[in-house]
Amino acid sequence: MYWEKSKVTAKSLQQAAFVERNDQNSRSNAPHIASAMQA
């Protein structure tokens, strides 16, 4: 029971970290994308 719960928590934390990293990447890429669109 405990192991199942901790496995799920670890997985959701992993997904949250992954989503956050993608979010940061897209935010830091936004200026490049904008300037590429204007060019």
PDB file of N, CA and C in Angstrom:
ATOM      1  N   MET A   1       0.843  -1.193   0.000  1.00  0.00           N
ATOM      2  CA  MET A   1       0.000   0.000   0.000  1.00  0.00           C
ATOM      3  C   MET A   1       0.884   1.251   0.000  1.00  0.00           C
ATOM      4  N   TYR A   2       1.812   1.320   0.939  1.00  0.00           N
ATOM      5  CA  TYR A   2       2.689   2.487   1.038  1.00  0.00           C
ATOM      6  C   TYR A   2       3.541   2.635  -0.216  1.00  0.00           C
ATOM      7  N   TRP A   3       4.047   1.495  -0.697  1.00  0.00           N
ATOM      8  CA  TRP A   3       4.922   1.552  -1.868  1.00  0.00           C
ATOM      9  C   TRP A   3       4.175   2.057  -3.087  1.00  0.00           C
ATOM     10  N   GLU A   4       2.945   1.590  -3.242  1.00  0.00           N
ATOM     11  CA  GLU A   4       2.147   2.044  -4.378  1.00  0.00           C
ATOM     12  C   GLU A   4       1.997   3.557  -4.336  1.00  0.00           C
ATOM     13  N   LYS A   5       1.681   4.077  -3.157  1.00  0.00           N
ATOM     14  CA  LYS A   5       1.466   5.515  -3.011  1.00  0.00           C
ATOM     15  C   LYS A   5       2.740   6.290  -3.331  1.00  0.00           C
ATOM     16  N   SER A   6       3.882   5.830  -2.819  1.00  0.00           N
ATOM     17  CA  SER A   6       5.128   6.550  -3.040  1.00  0.00           C
ATOM     18  C   SER A   6       5.545   6.467  -4.507  1.00  0.00           C
ATOM     19  N   LYS A   7       5.204   5.342  -5.156  1.00  0.00           N
ATOM     20  CA  LYS A   7       5.533   5.210  -6.579  1.00  0.00           C
ATOM     21  C   LYS A   7       4.763   6.245  -7.390  1.00  0.00           C
ATOM     22  N   VAL A   8       3.481   6.365  -7.078  1.00  0.00           N
ATOM     23  CA  VAL A   8       2.635   7.333  -7.787  1.00  0.00           C
ATOM     24  C   VAL A   8       3.144   8.751  -7.536  1.00  0.00           C
ATOM     25  N   THR A   9       3.494   9.033  -6.285  1.00  0.00           N
ATOM     26  CA  THR A   9       3.983  10.376  -5.950  1.00  0.00           C
ATOM     27  C   THR A   9       5.267  10.677  -6.710  1.00  0.00           C
ATOM     28  N   ALA A  10       6.173   9.724  -6.726  1.00  0.00           N
ATOM     29  CA  ALA A  10       7.441   9.928  -7.431  1.00  0.00           C
ATOM     30  C   ALA A  10       7.178  10.171  -8.908  1.00  0.00           C
ATOM     31  N   LYS A  11       6.246   9.429  -9.480  1.00  0.00           N
ATOM     32  CA  LYS A  11       5.958   9.576 -10.901  1.00  0.00           C
ATOM     33  C   LYS A  11       5.354  10.949 -11.187  1.00  0.00           C
ATOM     34  N   SER A  12       4.417  11.395 -10.359  1.00  0.00           N
ATOM     35  CA  SER A  12       3.791  12.687 -10.611  1.00  0.00           C
ATOM     36  C   SER A  12       4.780  13.826 -10.382  1.00  0.00           C
ATOM     37  N   LEU A  13       5.689  13.643  -9.415  1.00  0.00           N
ATOM     38  CA  LEU A  13       6.728  14.658  -9.204  1.00  0.00           C
ATOM     39  C   LEU A  13       7.635  14.730 -10.425  1.00  0.00           C
ATOM     40  N   GLN A  14       7.947  13.580 -10.969  1.00  0.00           N
ATOM     41  CA  GLN A  14       8.801  13.514 -12.156  1.00  0.00           C
ATOM     42  C   GLN A  14       8.118  14.238 -13.315  1.00  0.00           C
ATOM     43  N   GLN A  15       6.824  13.957 -13.489  1.00  0.00           N
ATOM     44  CA  GLN A  15       6.088  14.593 -14.577  1.00  0.00           C
ATOM     45  C   GLN A  15       6.018  16.089 -14.362  1.00  0.00           C
ATOM     46  N   ALA A  16       5.799  16.517 -13.117  1.00  0.00           N
ATOM     47  CA  ALA A  16       5.719  17.941 -12.823  1.00  0.00           C
ATOM     48  C   ALA A  16       7.048  18.622 -13.148  1.00  0.00           C
ATOM     49  N   ALA A  17       8.145  17.984 -12.775  1.00  0.00           N
ATOM     50  CA  ALA A  17       9.462  18.544 -13.046  1.00  0.00           C
ATOM     51  C   ALA A  17       9.691  18.632 -14.559  1.00  0.00           C
ATOM     52  N   PHE A  18       9.253  17.610 -15.276  1.00  0.00           N
ATOM     53  CA  PHE A  18       9.413  17.581 -16.725  1.00  0.00           C
ATOM     54  C   PHE A  18       8.619  18.716 -17.372  1.00  0.00           C
ATOM     55  N   VAL A  19       7.382  18.886 -16.920  1.00  0.00           N
ATOM     56  CA  VAL A  19       6.526  19.943 -17.460  1.00  0.00           C
ATOM     57  C   VAL A  19       7.128  21.307 -17.167  1.00  0.00           C
ATOM     58  N   GLU A  20       7.626  21.467 -15.941  1.00  0.00           N
ATOM     59  CA  GLU A  20       8.215  22.743 -15.560  1.00  0.00           C
ATOM     60  C   GLU A  20       9.440  23.052 -16.419  1.00  0.00           C
ATOM     61  N   ARG A  21      10.259  22.034 -16.666  1.00  0.00           N
ATOM     62  CA  ARG A  21      11.457  22.226 -17.472  1.00  0.00           C
ATOM     63  C   ARG A  21      11.055  22.622 -18.898  1.00  0.00           C
ATOM     64  N   ASN A  22      10.042  21.959 -19.446  1.00  0.00           N
ATOM     65  CA  ASN A  22       9.579  22.303 -20.790  1.00  0.00           C
ATOM     66  C   ASN A  22       9.063  23.726 -20.820  1.00  0.00           C
ATOM     67  N   ASP A  23       8.361  24.112 -19.753  1.00  0.00           N
ATOM     68  CA  ASP A  23       7.799  25.460 -19.674  1.00  0.00           C
ATOM     69  C   ASP A  23       8.930  26.488 -19.679  1.00  0.00           C
ATOM     70  N   GLN A  24       9.961  26.231 -18.911  1.00  0.00           N
ATOM     71  CA  GLN A  24      11.102  27.148 -18.849  1.00  0.00           C
ATOM     72  C   GLN A  24      11.782  27.209 -20.207  1.00  0.00           C
ATOM     73  N   ASN A  25      11.905  26.067 -20.871  1.00  0.00           N
ATOM     74  CA  ASN A  25      12.547  26.034 -22.185  1.00  0.00           C
ATOM     75  C   ASN A  25      11.761  26.866 -23.186  1.00  0.00           C
ATOM     76  N   SER A  26      10.450  26.701 -23.199  1.00  0.00           N
ATOM     77  CA  SER A  26       9.648  27.427 -24.175  1.00  0.00           C
ATOM     78  C   SER A  26       9.659  28.918 -23.872  1.00  0.00           C
ATOM     79  N   ARG A  27       9.734  29.264 -22.586  1.00  0.00           N
ATOM     80  CA  ARG A  27       9.769  30.684 -22.241  1.00  0.00           C
ATOM     81  C   ARG A  27      11.100  31.304 -22.664  1.00  0.00           C
ATOM     82  N   SER A  28      12.200  30.579 -22.475  1.00  0.00           N
ATOM     83  CA  SER A  28      13.507  31.129 -22.841  1.00  0.00           C
ATOM     84  C   SER A  28      13.675  31.129 -24.357  1.00  0.00           C
ATOM     85  N   ASN A  29      12.930  30.289 -25.068  1.00  0.00           N
ATOM     86  CA  ASN A  29      13.013  30.252 -26.528  1.00  0.00           C
ATOM     87  C   ASN A  29      12.089  31.269 -27.176  1.00  0.00           C
ATOM     88  N   ALA A  30      11.133  31.773 -26.428  1.00  0.00           N
ATOM     89  CA  ALA A  30      10.133  32.680 -26.998  1.00  0.00           C
ATOM     90  C   ALA A  30      10.752  33.868 -27.732  1.00  0.00           C
ATOM     91  N   PRO A  31      11.743  34.559 -27.160  1.00  0.00           N
ATOM     92  CA  PRO A  31      12.343  35.695 -27.890  1.00  0.00           C
ATOM     93  C   PRO A  31      12.960  35.275 -29.220  1.00  0.00           C
ATOM     94  N   HIS A  32      13.610  34.129 -29.241  1.00  0.00           N
ATOM     95  CA  HIS A  32      14.226  33.647 -30.479  1.00  0.00           C
ATOM     96  C   HIS A  32      13.144  33.376 -31.517  1.00  0.00           C
ATOM     97  N   ILE A  33      12.061  32.742 -31.077  1.00  0.00           N
ATOM     98  CA  ILE A  33      10.969  32.412 -31.995  1.00  0.00           C
ATOM     99  C   ILE A  33      10.356  33.699 -32.537  1.00  0.00           C
ATOM    100  N   ALA A  34      10.154  34.683 -31.656  1.00  0.00           N
ATOM    101  CA  ALA A  34       9.549  35.945 -32.072  1.00  0.00           C
ATOM    102  C   ALA A  34      10.438  36.648 -33.099  1.00  0.00           C
ATOM    103  N   SER A  35      11.743  36.696 -32.847  1.00  0.00           N
ATOM    104  CA  SER A  35      12.639  37.387 -33.774  1.00  0.00           C
ATOM    105  C   SER A  35      12.731  36.618 -35.095  1.00  0.00           C
ATOM    106  N   ALA A  36      12.634  35.292 -35.032  1.00  0.00           N
ATOM    107  CA  ALA A  36      12.670  34.497 -36.254  1.00  0.00           C
ATOM    108  C   ALA A  36      11.413  34.759 -37.086  1.00  0.00           C
ATOM    109  N   MET A  37      10.282  34.947 -36.406  1.00  0.00           N
ATOM    110  CA  MET A  37       9.033  35.209 -37.124  1.00  0.00           C
ATOM    111  C   MET A  37       9.079  36.580 -37.798  1.00  0.00           C
ATOM    112  N   GLN A  38       9.695  37.548 -37.126  1.00  0.00           N
ATOM    113  CA  GLN A  38       9.764  38.898 -37.678  1.00  0.00           C
ATOM    114  C   GLN A  38      10.727  38.954 -38.868  1.00  0.00           C
ATOM    115  N   ALA A  39      11.764  38.168 -38.818  1.00  0.00           N
ATOM    116  CA  ALA A  39      12.793  38.211 -39.868  1.00  0.00           C
ATOM    117  C   ALA A  39      12.207  37.813 -41.225  1.00  0.00           C
TER     118      ALA A  39
END
